[in-house]
Amino acid sequence: MKGSAALFSVSAGILLLLTSCSSDRPGTASAAELSSPRVAVQPAVKPAQPSVYQATGPLVVENQVDVAAEREGVLAKILVDVGTRVHKGQLLAQFDDRQLTADRDAAKAKADATRADLKHWEAELKMRQSDLARAEAMWNADLITRQQLDHDRYSVEGGQYYLQRQNEDLNHAEAALKSAQLELDKTRIVAPFDGVVARRYVRVGQRVAGNDRLFWVTATAPLTARFTLPQDFVTTVKVGDEVTVSAPFDHAEGHQARVTHVSPVVDPSSGTIEVQAEVFSPAGELRPGMTVNIALKSP
C-alpha cells in the first residue's frame, strides 16, 4: 500500500508539471481567447480635398477720377478735405464768381428787355392789322385812295418782319444768358458721383488754370478684383462662379466674390487669361487699390 501511494504522488506531480509548462508555452491561446473572434481595425481614410489655386491682383472700382477745373480762376472756398465722404452733386470747392455773376445778371436783363420788346411789337402788329382791315373797308366804299390802302398793307408786312427780328433777338439774348450761366456753373466744383475724397491738390486763394487737378475722388464700392489665371482655366472658370478674396493681413476666412468677366482670348506673351470678380459680401477692411489674394478651385 505504501508503494502504491508513493507512485500516485509521483504521477500527480508529473501531471501538474506538464500542465504548467503547456500554459507558459508561447503561441498557446487561452480558452477565452479562442472563443472570441478577432476584428481587423482599418486606418481611417480622409476624404480627398479639392486643390485650391491662389492668385493675386489689385482691387479696383469703376468710378475713380481726378476732378479738374473747367476754367481758370481763384479758389475762394474749399469745403472738403481728404477722407471726406461725398455724394453726387455735392459742392467741393467754389471759385471767386463775382465777375461772372455780374455778366450773368447783365445777360438776363438783356433777355428780359428783348422779351418786352417782342411783346410790344406783337401788340403793334395787331394794331396795324386792325388799321389795314379798316382801310380795306374804306377802299371798298371808295372813301380812300389806292395808295392809302397799300400804305397800310406795307405797314403790316413790315411789322411782321420786325416781329420776326425781335424773335431772333430774343433767342440770341437767351442763348447769351445760358452761356453766362454755364460759365458761372463752372465756378462750382461738385462731386461727380458718390465716394470719398482721396487727395486734394489745391489751397484756398490759389489761382488755377483750366484742366488743373483739384481733387481725386474715388468710389468705395462695388469692389472688383482683377487677376490673371493660366490658360488651363479657360474651360473651367465661368461668369457667375464664386471665389474667395482676402487681404494678406486679414485673418478672417475671406470675402465672397462672383466672377463677372472672363477674357475671351489668351495673352500669347504670358499664356494667361484676365478675370474680374466683384465682391458681394461685406468688404470689411478691403480698400480700392489694395493687392489681395484670390482663391478658387484648380482645374
C-alpha atoms as a PDB file:
ATOM      1  CA  MET A   1       0.000   0.000   0.000  1.00  0.00           C
ATOM      2  CA  LYS A   2       2.800   2.436   0.803  1.00  0.00           C
ATOM      3  CA  GLY A   3       4.315   1.760  -2.605  1.00  0.00           C
ATOM      4  CA  SER A   4       1.026   2.493  -4.391  1.00  0.00           C
ATOM      5  CA  ALA A   5       0.634   5.835  -2.519  1.00  0.00           C
ATOM      6  CA  ALA A   6       4.135   6.892  -3.462  1.00  0.00           C
ATOM      7  CA  LEU A   7       3.541   6.029  -7.122  1.00  0.00           C
ATOM      8  CA  PHE A   8       0.296   8.071  -7.180  1.00  0.00           C
ATOM      9  CA  SER A   9       2.006  11.034  -5.661  1.00  0.00           C
ATOM     10  CA  VAL A  10       4.789  10.963  -8.284  1.00  0.00           C
ATOM     11  CA  SER A  11       2.235  10.677 -11.134  1.00  0.00           C
ATOM     12  CA  ALA A  12       0.263  13.678  -9.839  1.00  0.00           C
ATOM     13  CA  GLY A  13       3.401  15.801  -9.667  1.00  0.00           C
ATOM     14  CA  ILE A  14       4.400  14.923 -13.214  1.00  0.00           C
ATOM     15  CA  LEU A  15       0.904  15.817 -14.472  1.00  0.00           C
ATOM     16  CA  LEU A  16       0.949  19.165 -12.645  1.00  0.00           C
ATOM     17  CA  LEU A  17       4.347  19.996 -14.127  1.00  0.00           C
ATOM     18  CA  LEU A  18       3.204  19.209 -17.680  1.00  0.00           C
ATOM     19  CA  THR A  19       0.102  21.379 -17.267  1.00  0.00           C
ATOM     20  CA  SER A  20       2.189  24.344 -16.047  1.00  0.00           C
ATOM     21  CA  CYS A  21       4.608  24.100 -18.970  1.00  0.00           C
ATOM     22  CA  SER A  22       1.851  23.969 -21.591  1.00  0.00           C
ATOM     23  CA  SER A  23       0.230  27.146 -20.186  1.00  0.00           C
ATOM     24  CA  ASP A  24       3.535  29.066 -20.329  1.00  0.00           C
ATOM     25  CA  ARG A  25       4.450  27.985 -23.905  1.00  0.00           C
ATOM     26  CA  PRO A  26       4.379  30.909 -26.334  1.00  0.00           C
ATOM     27  CA  GLY A  27       1.789  30.812 -29.102  1.00  0.00           C
ATOM     28  CA  THR A  28      -0.719  28.862 -26.986  1.00  0.00           C
ATOM     29  CA  ALA A  29      -4.080  30.717 -26.727  1.00  0.00           C
ATOM     30  CA  SER A  30      -6.337  30.545 -23.724  1.00  0.00           C
ATOM     31  CA  ALA A  31      -9.891  29.252 -23.967  1.00  0.00           C
ATOM     32  CA  ALA A  32     -11.358  32.759 -23.690  1.00  0.00           C
ATOM     33  CA  GLU A  33      -9.131  33.976 -26.471  1.00  0.00           C
ATOM     34  CA  LEU A  34     -10.126  31.082 -28.721  1.00  0.00           C
ATOM     35  CA  SER A  35     -13.805  31.681 -28.111  1.00  0.00           C
ATOM     36  CA  SER A  36     -13.771  35.474 -29.092  1.00  0.00           C
ATOM     37  CA  PRO A  37     -13.444  36.331 -32.845  1.00  0.00           C
ATOM     38  CA  ARG A  38     -10.672  38.686 -33.950  1.00  0.00           C
ATOM     39  CA  VAL A  39     -11.727  42.048 -35.607  1.00  0.00           C
ATOM     40  CA  ALA A  40      -9.323  43.729 -38.034  1.00  0.00           C
ATOM     41  CA  VAL A  41      -9.031  47.542 -37.479  1.00  0.00           C
ATOM     42  CA  GLN A  42      -8.547  49.555 -40.669  1.00  0.00           C
ATOM     43  CA  PRO A  43      -6.923  53.021 -40.533  1.00  0.00           C
ATOM     44  CA  ALA A  44      -9.309  55.978 -41.167  1.00  0.00           C
ATOM     45  CA  VAL A  45      -9.128  57.370 -44.697  1.00  0.00           C
ATOM     46  CA  LYS A  46      -9.616  61.140 -45.031  1.00  0.00           C
ATOM     47  CA  PRO A  47     -11.796  62.263 -47.935  1.00  0.00           C
ATOM     48  CA  ALA A  48      -9.857  63.848 -50.769  1.00  0.00           C
ATOM     49  CA  GLN A  49      -9.903  67.637 -50.568  1.00  0.00           C
ATOM     50  CA  PRO A  50     -10.163  69.645 -53.806  1.00  0.00           C
ATOM     51  CA  SER A  51      -6.961  71.501 -54.610  1.00  0.00           C
ATOM     52  CA  VAL A  52      -7.092  75.307 -54.390  1.00  0.00           C
ATOM     53  CA  TYR A  53      -5.322  77.710 -56.730  1.00  0.00           C
ATOM     54  CA  GLN A  54      -4.106  81.020 -55.323  1.00  0.00           C
ATOM     55  CA  ALA A  55      -3.877  84.163 -57.469  1.00  0.00           C
ATOM     56  CA  THR A  56      -3.138  87.781 -56.618  1.00  0.00           C
ATOM     57  CA  GLY A  57      -4.379  91.026 -58.076  1.00  0.00           C
ATOM     58  CA  PRO A  58      -5.500  94.577 -57.276  1.00  0.00           C
ATOM     59  CA  LEU A  59      -8.896  95.738 -56.083  1.00  0.00           C
ATOM     60  CA  VAL A  60     -10.376  98.417 -58.336  1.00  0.00           C
ATOM     61  CA  VAL A  61     -13.588 100.448 -58.618  1.00  0.00           C
ATOM     62  CA  GLU A  62     -15.309 101.679 -61.746  1.00  0.00           C
ATOM     63  CA  ASN A  63     -15.654 105.319 -60.649  1.00  0.00           C
ATOM     64  CA  GLN A  64     -12.309 106.923 -59.817  1.00  0.00           C
ATOM     65  CA  VAL A  65     -11.329 110.273 -61.378  1.00  0.00           C
ATOM     66  CA  ASP A  66      -9.329 113.447 -60.920  1.00  0.00           C
ATOM     67  CA  VAL A  67     -11.777 116.347 -60.678  1.00  0.00           C
ATOM     68  CA  ALA A  68     -10.250 119.165 -62.761  1.00  0.00           C
ATOM     69  CA  ALA A  69     -11.045 122.856 -63.166  1.00  0.00           C
ATOM     70  CA  GLU A  70     -13.181 123.693 -66.209  1.00  0.00           C
ATOM     71  CA  ARG A  71     -11.983 127.326 -66.305  1.00  0.00           C
ATOM     72  CA  GLU A  72      -9.317 129.491 -64.759  1.00  0.00           C
ATOM     73  CA  GLY A  73      -9.952 131.370 -61.543  1.00  0.00           C
ATOM     74  CA  VAL A  74      -9.108 131.873 -57.891  1.00  0.00           C
ATOM     75  CA  LEU A  75     -10.361 129.387 -55.324  1.00  0.00           C
ATOM     76  CA  ALA A  76     -12.474 131.229 -52.782  1.00  0.00           C
ATOM     77  CA  LYS A  77     -13.662 128.245 -50.708  1.00  0.00           C
ATOM     78  CA  ILE A  78     -12.732 124.586 -50.195  1.00  0.00           C
ATOM     79  CA  LEU A  79     -15.460 122.660 -48.430  1.00  0.00           C
ATOM     80  CA  VAL A  80     -13.995 119.135 -48.222  1.00  0.00           C
ATOM     81  CA  ASP A  81     -10.692 117.500 -47.362  1.00  0.00           C
ATOM     82  CA  VAL A  82      -9.027 114.115 -47.707  1.00  0.00           C
ATOM     83  CA  GLY A  83     -11.219 111.366 -46.282  1.00  0.00           C
ATOM     84  CA  THR A  84     -14.496 113.276 -46.637  1.00  0.00           C
ATOM     85  CA  ARG A  85     -17.339 111.135 -47.953  1.00  0.00           C
ATOM     86  CA  VAL A  86     -19.283 112.970 -50.630  1.00  0.00           C
ATOM     87  CA  HIS A  87     -22.457 112.477 -52.629  1.00  0.00           C
ATOM     88  CA  LYS A  88     -23.081 113.130 -56.315  1.00  0.00           C
ATOM     89  CA  GLY A  89     -23.574 116.860 -56.911  1.00  0.00           C
ATOM     90  CA  GLN A  90     -22.176 117.898 -53.527  1.00  0.00           C
ATOM     91  CA  LEU A  91     -20.183 121.156 -53.598  1.00  0.00           C
ATOM     92  CA  LEU A  92     -16.451 120.537 -53.134  1.00  0.00           C
ATOM     93  CA  ALA A  93     -14.984 123.979 -53.815  1.00  0.00           C
ATOM     94  CA  GLN A  94     -16.032 127.416 -55.066  1.00  0.00           C
ATOM     95  CA  PHE A  95     -14.230 129.888 -57.351  1.00  0.00           C
ATOM     96  CA  ASP A  96     -14.492 133.655 -56.989  1.00  0.00           C
ATOM     97  CA  ASP A  97     -17.608 134.232 -59.130  1.00  0.00           C
ATOM     98  CA  ARG A  98     -18.339 137.963 -58.691  1.00  0.00           C
ATOM     99  CA  GLN A  99     -17.451 138.983 -62.263  1.00  0.00           C
ATOM    100  CA  LEU A 100     -19.308 136.058 -63.805  1.00  0.00           C
ATOM    101  CA  THR A 101     -22.350 136.736 -61.636  1.00  0.00           C
ATOM    102  CA  ALA A 102     -22.426 140.313 -62.905  1.00  0.00           C
ATOM    103  CA  ASP A 103     -22.117 139.098 -66.510  1.00  0.00           C
ATOM    104  CA  ARG A 104     -24.961 136.661 -65.977  1.00  0.00           C
ATOM    105  CA  ASP A 105     -27.179 139.369 -64.489  1.00  0.00           C
ATOM    106  CA  ALA A 106     -26.456 141.681 -67.442  1.00  0.00           C
ATOM    107  CA  ALA A 107     -27.347 138.917 -69.889  1.00  0.00           C
ATOM    108  CA  LYS A 108     -30.559 138.251 -68.001  1.00  0.00           C
ATOM    109  CA  ALA A 109     -31.524 141.930 -68.119  1.00  0.00           C
ATOM    110  CA  LYS A 110     -30.864 142.000 -71.869  1.00  0.00           C
ATOM    111  CA  ALA A 111     -33.037 138.939 -72.401  1.00  0.00           C
ATOM    112  CA  ASP A 112     -35.854 140.451 -70.326  1.00  0.00           C
ATOM    113  CA  ALA A 113     -35.688 143.713 -72.305  1.00  0.00           C
ATOM    114  CA  THR A 114     -35.767 141.868 -75.627  1.00  0.00           C
ATOM    115  CA  ARG A 115     -38.731 139.815 -74.461  1.00  0.00           C
ATOM    116  CA  ALA A 116     -40.589 143.011 -73.557  1.00  0.00           C
ATOM    117  CA  ASP A 117     -39.829 144.497 -76.999  1.00  0.00           C
ATOM    118  CA  LEU A 118     -41.202 141.356 -78.595  1.00  0.00           C
ATOM    119  CA  LYS A 119     -44.478 141.719 -76.714  1.00  0.00           C
ATOM    120  CA  HIS A 120     -44.618 145.390 -77.708  1.00  0.00           C
ATOM    121  CA  TRP A 121     -44.247 144.547 -81.393  1.00  0.00           C
ATOM    122  CA  GLU A 122     -46.829 141.783 -81.135  1.00  0.00           C
ATOM    123  CA  ALA A 123     -49.285 144.423 -79.936  1.00  0.00           C
ATOM    124  CA  GLU A 124     -48.067 146.879 -82.600  1.00  0.00           C
ATOM    125  CA  LEU A 125     -48.662 144.314 -85.342  1.00  0.00           C
ATOM    126  CA  LYS A 126     -52.207 143.686 -84.134  1.00  0.00           C
ATOM    127  CA  MET A 127     -52.877 147.445 -84.284  1.00  0.00           C
ATOM    128  CA  ARG A 128     -51.523 147.668 -87.845  1.00  0.00           C
ATOM    129  CA  GLN A 129     -53.629 144.687 -88.901  1.00  0.00           C
ATOM    130  CA  SER A 130     -56.665 146.464 -87.497  1.00  0.00           C
ATOM    131  CA  ASP A 131     -55.792 149.601 -89.465  1.00  0.00           C
ATOM    132  CA  LEU A 132     -55.458 147.505 -92.617  1.00  0.00           C
ATOM    133  CA  ALA A 133     -58.904 145.955 -92.122  1.00  0.00           C
ATOM    134  CA  ARG A 134     -60.414 149.424 -91.705  1.00  0.00           C
ATOM    135  CA  ALA A 135     -58.577 150.687 -94.812  1.00  0.00           C
ATOM    136  CA  GLU A 136     -59.875 147.769 -96.881  1.00  0.00           C
ATOM    137  CA  ALA A 137     -63.420 148.560 -95.799  1.00  0.00           C
ATOM    138  CA  MET A 138     -62.994 152.236 -96.701  1.00  0.00           C
ATOM    139  CA  TRP A 139     -61.437 151.230-100.047  1.00  0.00           C
ATOM    140  CA  ASN A 140     -64.467 149.088-100.816  1.00  0.00           C
ATOM    141  CA  ALA A 141     -66.641 152.156-100.035  1.00  0.00           C
ATOM    142  CA  ASP A 142     -64.477 154.380-102.280  1.00  0.00           C
ATOM    143  CA  LEU A 143     -63.533 156.565 -99.315  1.00  0.00           C
ATOM    144  CA  ILE A 144     -59.719 156.324 -99.640  1.00  0.00           C
ATOM    145  CA  THR A 145     -57.226 156.081-102.420  1.00  0.00           C
ATOM    146  CA  ARG A 146     -55.309 153.009-103.521  1.00  0.00           C
ATOM    147  CA  GLN A 147     -52.092 154.485-102.157  1.00  0.00           C
ATOM    148  CA  GLN A 148     -53.547 154.737 -98.639  1.00  0.00           C
ATOM    149  CA  LEU A 149     -54.618 151.080 -98.765  1.00  0.00           C
ATOM    150  CA  ASP A 150     -51.178 149.971 -99.970  1.00  0.00           C
ATOM    151  CA  HIS A 151     -49.563 152.020 -97.209  1.00  0.00           C
ATOM    152  CA  ASP A 152     -51.454 150.073 -94.533  1.00  0.00           C
ATOM    153  CA  ARG A 153     -50.645 146.765 -96.208  1.00  0.00           C
ATOM    154  CA  TYR A 154     -46.924 147.555 -96.309  1.00  0.00           C
ATOM    155  CA  SER A 155     -47.090 148.671 -92.699  1.00  0.00           C
ATOM    156  CA  VAL A 156     -48.479 145.276 -91.663  1.00  0.00           C
ATOM    157  CA  GLU A 157     -45.878 143.434 -93.756  1.00  0.00           C
ATOM    158  CA  GLY A 158     -43.050 145.490 -92.212  1.00  0.00           C
ATOM    159  CA  GLY A 159     -44.414 144.824 -88.737  1.00  0.00           C
ATOM    160  CA  GLN A 160     -44.357 141.078 -89.405  1.00  0.00           C
ATOM    161  CA  TYR A 161     -40.702 141.214 -90.430  1.00  0.00           C
ATOM    162  CA  TYR A 162     -39.810 143.327 -87.411  1.00  0.00           C
ATOM    163  CA  LEU A 163     -41.620 140.883 -85.146  1.00  0.00           C
ATOM    164  CA  GLN A 164     -39.585 138.038 -86.653  1.00  0.00           C
ATOM    165  CA  ARG A 165     -36.408 140.043 -85.984  1.00  0.00           C
ATOM    166  CA  GLN A 166     -37.433 140.528 -82.359  1.00  0.00           C
ATOM    167  CA  ASN A 167     -37.957 136.786 -82.031  1.00  0.00           C
ATOM    168  CA  GLU A 168     -34.415 136.148 -83.258  1.00  0.00           C
ATOM    169  CA  ASP A 169     -33.059 138.852 -80.945  1.00  0.00           C
ATOM    170  CA  LEU A 170     -34.785 137.143 -78.032  1.00  0.00           C
ATOM    171  CA  ASN A 171     -33.307 133.773 -78.994  1.00  0.00           C
ATOM    172  CA  HIS A 172     -29.843 135.360 -79.133  1.00  0.00           C
ATOM    173  CA  ALA A 173     -30.317 137.030 -75.755  1.00  0.00           C
ATOM    174  CA  GLU A 174     -31.495 133.802 -74.141  1.00  0.00           C
ATOM    175  CA  ALA A 175     -28.533 131.901 -75.611  1.00  0.00           C
ATOM    176  CA  ALA A 176     -26.165 134.549 -74.231  1.00  0.00           C
ATOM    177  CA  LEU A 177     -27.843 134.211 -70.844  1.00  0.00           C
ATOM    178  CA  LYS A 178     -27.456 130.423 -70.969  1.00  0.00           C
ATOM    179  CA  SER A 179     -23.763 130.773 -71.878  1.00  0.00           C
ATOM    180  CA  ALA A 180     -23.191 133.167 -68.973  1.00  0.00           C
ATOM    181  CA  GLN A 181     -24.968 130.757 -66.623  1.00  0.00           C
ATOM    182  CA  LEU A 182     -22.818 127.853 -67.826  1.00  0.00           C
ATOM    183  CA  GLU A 183     -19.643 129.852 -67.179  1.00  0.00           C
ATOM    184  CA  LEU A 184     -20.960 130.669 -63.727  1.00  0.00           C
ATOM    185  CA  ASP A 185     -21.727 126.999 -63.061  1.00  0.00           C
ATOM    186  CA  LYS A 186     -18.088 126.156 -63.842  1.00  0.00           C
ATOM    187  CA  THR A 187     -17.064 128.080 -60.720  1.00  0.00           C
ATOM    188  CA  ARG A 188     -18.815 125.437 -58.594  1.00  0.00           C
ATOM    189  CA  ILE A 189     -16.763 122.241 -58.269  1.00  0.00           C
ATOM    190  CA  VAL A 190     -19.092 119.350 -57.453  1.00  0.00           C
ATOM    191  CA  ALA A 191     -18.655 115.609 -56.837  1.00  0.00           C
ATOM    192  CA  PRO A 192     -19.297 113.559 -59.997  1.00  0.00           C
ATOM    193  CA  PHE A 193     -20.545 110.526 -58.018  1.00  0.00           C
ATOM    194  CA  ASP A 194     -20.856 109.101 -54.508  1.00  0.00           C
ATOM    195  CA  GLY A 195     -17.473 108.323 -52.999  1.00  0.00           C
ATOM    196  CA  VAL A 196     -14.648 109.666 -50.863  1.00  0.00           C
ATOM    197  CA  VAL A 197     -12.061 112.390 -51.423  1.00  0.00           C
ATOM    198  CA  ALA A 198      -8.738 110.557 -51.705  1.00  0.00           C
ATOM    199  CA  ARG A 199      -6.478 113.562 -52.485  1.00  0.00           C
ATOM    200  CA  ARG A 200      -6.607 117.369 -52.500  1.00  0.00           C
ATOM    201  CA  TYR A 201      -4.203 119.219 -54.778  1.00  0.00           C
ATOM    202  CA  VAL A 202      -5.097 122.901 -54.149  1.00  0.00           C
ATOM    203  CA  ARG A 203      -5.424 125.513 -51.417  1.00  0.00           C
ATOM    204  CA  VAL A 204      -7.739 128.459 -50.760  1.00  0.00           C
ATOM    205  CA  GLY A 205      -6.626 131.571 -52.651  1.00  0.00           C
ATOM    206  CA  GLN A 206      -4.692 129.620 -55.254  1.00  0.00           C
ATOM    207  CA  ARG A 207      -5.138 130.630 -58.912  1.00  0.00           C
ATOM    208  CA  VAL A 208      -5.680 127.614 -61.123  1.00  0.00           C
ATOM    209  CA  ALA A 209      -5.887 127.232 -64.882  1.00  0.00           C
ATOM    210  CA  GLY A 210      -8.297 125.198 -66.908  1.00  0.00           C
ATOM    211  CA  ASN A 211      -7.798 121.410 -66.590  1.00  0.00           C
ATOM    212  CA  ASP A 212      -5.699 121.758 -63.404  1.00  0.00           C
ATOM    213  CA  ARG A 213      -6.362 118.909 -60.969  1.00  0.00           C
ATOM    214  CA  LEU A 214      -8.276 119.892 -57.841  1.00  0.00           C
ATOM    215  CA  PHE A 215      -9.364 116.655 -56.112  1.00  0.00           C
ATOM    216  CA  TRP A 216      -9.096 112.925 -56.577  1.00  0.00           C
ATOM    217  CA  VAL A 217     -12.493 111.363 -55.866  1.00  0.00           C
ATOM    218  CA  THR A 218     -12.949 107.615 -55.778  1.00  0.00           C
ATOM    219  CA  ALA A 219     -15.908 105.359 -55.155  1.00  0.00           C
ATOM    220  CA  THR A 220     -15.614 102.702 -52.452  1.00  0.00           C
ATOM    221  CA  ALA A 221     -17.965 100.111 -53.937  1.00  0.00           C
ATOM    222  CA  PRO A 222     -18.506  97.852 -55.726  1.00  0.00           C
ATOM    223  CA  LEU A 223     -15.009  96.409 -55.357  1.00  0.00           C
ATOM    224  CA  THR A 224     -13.679  94.331 -58.252  1.00  0.00           C
ATOM    225  CA  ALA A 225     -10.631  92.063 -58.112  1.00  0.00           C
ATOM    226  CA  ARG A 226      -8.628  91.847 -61.334  1.00  0.00           C
ATOM    227  CA  PHE A 227      -6.276  88.910 -61.720  1.00  0.00           C
ATOM    228  CA  THR A 228      -4.835  86.530 -64.290  1.00  0.00           C
ATOM    229  CA  LEU A 229      -5.052  82.748 -64.486  1.00  0.00           C
ATOM    230  CA  PRO A 230      -3.128  80.159 -66.528  1.00  0.00           C
ATOM    231  CA  GLN A 231      -4.734  79.144 -69.787  1.00  0.00           C
ATOM    232  CA  ASP A 232      -5.705  75.809 -68.184  1.00  0.00           C
ATOM    233  CA  PHE A 233      -8.661  77.681 -66.612  1.00  0.00           C
ATOM    234  CA  VAL A 234     -10.184  78.645 -69.974  1.00  0.00           C
ATOM    235  CA  THR A 235     -12.822  75.920 -69.833  1.00  0.00           C
ATOM    236  CA  THR A 236     -13.300  75.800 -66.059  1.00  0.00           C
ATOM    237  CA  VAL A 237     -13.809  79.423 -64.957  1.00  0.00           C
ATOM    238  CA  LYS A 238     -17.231  80.794 -65.875  1.00  0.00           C
ATOM    239  CA  VAL A 239     -19.098  84.022 -65.262  1.00  0.00           C
ATOM    240  CA  GLY A 240     -21.061  83.592 -62.036  1.00  0.00           C
ATOM    241  CA  ASP A 241     -18.522  81.324 -60.315  1.00  0.00           C
ATOM    242  CA  GLU A 242     -17.736  82.244 -56.708  1.00  0.00           C
ATOM    243  CA  VAL A 243     -14.191  82.836 -55.457  1.00  0.00           C
ATOM    244  CA  THR A 244     -12.722  83.945 -52.138  1.00  0.00           C
ATOM    245  CA  VAL A 245     -10.924  87.273 -51.812  1.00  0.00           C
ATOM    246  CA  SER A 246      -8.755  88.110 -48.808  1.00  0.00           C
ATOM    247  CA  ALA A 247      -6.130  90.672 -47.875  1.00  0.00           C
ATOM    248  CA  PRO A 248      -2.701  89.402 -46.802  1.00  0.00           C
ATOM    249  CA  PHE A 249      -3.111  90.922 -43.324  1.00  0.00           C
ATOM    250  CA  ASP A 250      -6.752  89.848 -42.911  1.00  0.00           C
ATOM    251  CA  HIS A 251      -7.029  86.744 -40.729  1.00  0.00           C
ATOM    252  CA  ALA A 252     -10.722  86.246 -41.432  1.00  0.00           C
ATOM    253  CA  GLU A 253     -11.959  83.490 -43.697  1.00  0.00           C
ATOM    254  CA  GLY A 254     -12.189  85.890 -46.645  1.00  0.00           C
ATOM    255  CA  HIS A 255     -14.809  87.708 -48.647  1.00  0.00           C
ATOM    256  CA  GLN A 256     -17.013  86.144 -51.270  1.00  0.00           C
ATOM    257  CA  ALA A 257     -16.803  87.428 -54.834  1.00  0.00           C
ATOM    258  CA  ARG A 258     -18.534  86.472 -58.048  1.00  0.00           C
ATOM    259  CA  VAL A 259     -16.793  86.275 -61.434  1.00  0.00           C
ATOM    260  CA  THR A 260     -18.202  88.992 -63.721  1.00  0.00           C
ATOM    261  CA  HIS A 261     -15.792  88.855 -66.650  1.00  0.00           C
ATOM    262  CA  VAL A 262     -13.548  86.248 -68.246  1.00  0.00           C
ATOM    263  CA  SER A 263     -11.329  87.314 -71.125  1.00  0.00           C
ATOM    264  CA  PRO A 264     -12.342  85.559 -74.363  1.00  0.00           C
ATOM    265  CA  VAL A 265      -8.709  85.391 -75.521  1.00  0.00           C
ATOM    266  CA  VAL A 266      -5.420  84.159 -74.087  1.00  0.00           C
ATOM    267  CA  ASP A 267      -2.489  86.541 -73.812  1.00  0.00           C
ATOM    268  CA  PRO A 268       0.103  84.907 -76.085  1.00  0.00           C
ATOM    269  CA  SER A 269       3.054  86.504 -74.279  1.00  0.00           C
ATOM    270  CA  SER A 270       2.167  85.078 -70.857  1.00  0.00           C
ATOM    271  CA  GLY A 271      -0.291  82.276 -71.631  1.00  0.00           C
ATOM    272  CA  THR A 272      -2.845  83.691 -69.199  1.00  0.00           C
ATOM    273  CA  ILE A 273      -6.415  84.956 -69.243  1.00  0.00           C
ATOM    274  CA  GLU A 274      -7.727  88.021 -67.424  1.00  0.00           C
ATOM    275  CA  VAL A 275     -10.568  87.561 -64.931  1.00  0.00           C
ATOM    276  CA  GLN A 276     -12.635  90.021 -62.884  1.00  0.00           C
ATOM    277  CA  ALA A 277     -14.628  89.159 -59.778  1.00  0.00           C
ATOM    278  CA  GLU A 278     -16.933  91.538 -57.899  1.00  0.00           C
ATOM    279  CA  VAL A 279     -17.021  91.330 -54.090  1.00  0.00           C
ATOM    280  CA  PHE A 280     -20.630  90.933 -52.931  1.00  0.00           C
ATOM    281  CA  SER A 281     -20.122  90.125 -49.240  1.00  0.00           C
ATOM    282  CA  PRO A 282     -19.309  92.869 -46.672  1.00  0.00           C
ATOM    283  CA  ALA A 283     -15.944  94.333 -47.703  1.00  0.00           C
ATOM    284  CA  GLY A 284     -14.602  94.798 -44.172  1.00  0.00           C
ATOM    285  CA  GLU A 285     -11.039  96.137 -44.384  1.00  0.00           C
ATOM    286  CA  LEU A 286     -10.797  95.853 -48.163  1.00  0.00           C
ATOM    287  CA  ARG A 287      -9.961  99.124 -49.924  1.00  0.00           C
ATOM    288  CA  PRO A 288      -9.615 100.169 -53.588  1.00  0.00           C
ATOM    289  CA  GLY A 289      -6.045  99.779 -54.833  1.00  0.00           C
ATOM    290  CA  MET A 290      -5.214  97.006 -52.364  1.00  0.00           C
ATOM    291  CA  THR A 291      -3.467  93.838 -53.559  1.00  0.00           C
ATOM    292  CA  VAL A 292      -5.452  90.791 -52.484  1.00  0.00           C
ATOM    293  CA  ASN A 293      -5.325  87.013 -52.680  1.00  0.00           C
ATOM    294  CA  ILE A 294      -7.938  85.188 -54.746  1.00  0.00           C
ATOM    295  CA  ALA A 295      -8.625  81.523 -54.019  1.00  0.00           C
ATOM    296  CA  LEU A 296     -10.504  79.249 -56.432  1.00  0.00           C
ATOM    297  CA  LYS A 297     -10.649  75.579 -57.345  1.00  0.00           C
ATOM    298  CA  SER A 298      -7.905  74.236 -59.536  1.00  0.00           C
ATOM    299  CA  PRO A 299      -8.933  72.797 -62.923  1.00  0.00           C
END
